Structure formats: C-alpha cells, structure tokens
Amino acid sequence: MCSRRTRRLQHRLAGSALLTIVDADEPPLRVLFGEQPTQVVKALYDQRLRTWAGWEHVSLAAQG
C-alpha cells in the first residue's frame, strides 16, 4: 500500500505527464502511464504480431 505522500507524488507526476501530452503538437490517441501497463501491453502486442504473421498467408490469399 502506498503512503499518502507517495500517492500525492504519483498524482503530480501523472498530471505533469498528461499536460505534456495535451500540449503536444500531435498528441497520441492513447497513452499508458507507468511501467507495469507498458510491459503488459508490449507483451500482448508482441503476441498479436506473431499470431498475425503466422496467419499472413491466409490474409493475403483472401485478397486474391
């Protein structure tokens, strides 16, 4: 469990990151905050890319 001080710091850092995104010339449509979500999503998308690559021949055959 995080202390109140740690939570306040995390909220401040997240707010700063959000403002950086909002102020960007081309902000992303989606963003992840923190190490754990970033790691989980990378692993998930790596698996999806491998699956799609394995079935690419079927996808291309459907195009004709």
Protein backbone atom coordinates (compact mmCIF):
# COMPACT_ATOMS: atom_id res chain seq x y z
CA MET A 1 0.00 0.00 0.00
CA CYS A 2 1.33 3.43 -0.92
CA SER A 3 1.69 6.17 1.60
CA ARG A 4 -0.29 9.36 1.22
CA ARG A 5 2.91 11.18 0.26
CA THR A 6 3.70 8.62 -2.45
CA ARG A 7 0.18 8.85 -3.87
CA ARG A 8 0.39 12.65 -4.00
CA LEU A 9 3.70 12.40 -5.84
CA GLN A 10 2.25 9.87 -8.29
CA HIS A 11 -0.74 12.12 -8.94
CA ARG A 12 1.53 15.09 -9.52
CA LEU A 13 3.72 13.12 -11.94
CA ALA A 14 0.69 11.77 -13.81
CA GLY A 15 -0.74 15.29 -14.06
CA SER A 16 2.53 16.60 -15.43
CA ALA A 17 2.67 13.78 -17.98
CA LEU A 18 -0.92 14.44 -19.02
CA LEU A 19 -0.23 18.14 -19.53
CA THR A 20 2.79 17.26 -21.65
CA ILE A 21 0.54 15.13 -23.85
CA VAL A 22 -2.18 17.78 -24.07
CA ASP A 23 0.36 20.45 -25.02
CA ALA A 24 1.96 18.29 -27.75
CA ASP A 25 1.55 19.33 -31.38
CA GLU A 26 0.41 15.80 -32.23
CA PRO A 27 -0.73 14.10 -29.02
CA PRO A 28 -1.27 10.35 -29.07
CA LEU A 29 -4.81 8.96 -29.09
CA ARG A 30 -3.82 6.54 -26.35
CA VAL A 31 -1.14 6.53 -23.70
CA LEU A 32 -0.07 4.26 -20.88
CA PHE A 33 1.16 5.55 -17.55
CA GLY A 34 3.62 3.51 -15.56
CA GLU A 35 5.98 0.62 -16.10
CA GLN A 36 3.57 -2.26 -15.50
CA PRO A 37 0.91 -1.30 -18.07
CA THR A 38 3.63 -0.60 -20.62
CA GLN A 39 5.21 -4.03 -20.08
CA VAL A 40 1.86 -5.84 -20.22
CA VAL A 41 0.75 -4.13 -23.43
CA LYS A 42 4.10 -4.70 -25.13
CA ALA A 43 3.89 -8.42 -24.38
CA LEU A 44 0.28 -8.56 -25.56
CA TYR A 45 1.01 -6.81 -28.84
CA ASP A 46 4.15 -8.87 -29.46
CA GLN A 47 1.96 -11.96 -29.21
CA ARG A 48 -0.65 -10.46 -31.53
CA LEU A 49 2.01 -9.56 -34.11
CA ARG A 50 3.35 -13.13 -34.01
CA THR A 51 -0.17 -14.50 -34.48
CA TRP A 52 -0.89 -12.18 -37.41
CA ALA A 53 2.44 -13.03 -39.01
CA GLY A 54 1.65 -16.74 -38.68
CA TRP A 55 -1.66 -16.24 -40.49
CA GLU A 56 -0.45 -13.68 -43.03
CA HIS A 57 -0.61 -16.20 -45.86
CA VAL A 58 -4.34 -16.68 -45.23
CA SER A 59 -4.92 -12.94 -45.09
CA LEU A 60 -3.09 -12.40 -48.38
CA ALA A 61 -4.92 -15.32 -50.02
CA ALA A 62 -8.24 -13.69 -49.11
CA GLN A 63 -7.23 -10.60 -51.04
CA GLY A 64 -6.84 -12.56 -54.23
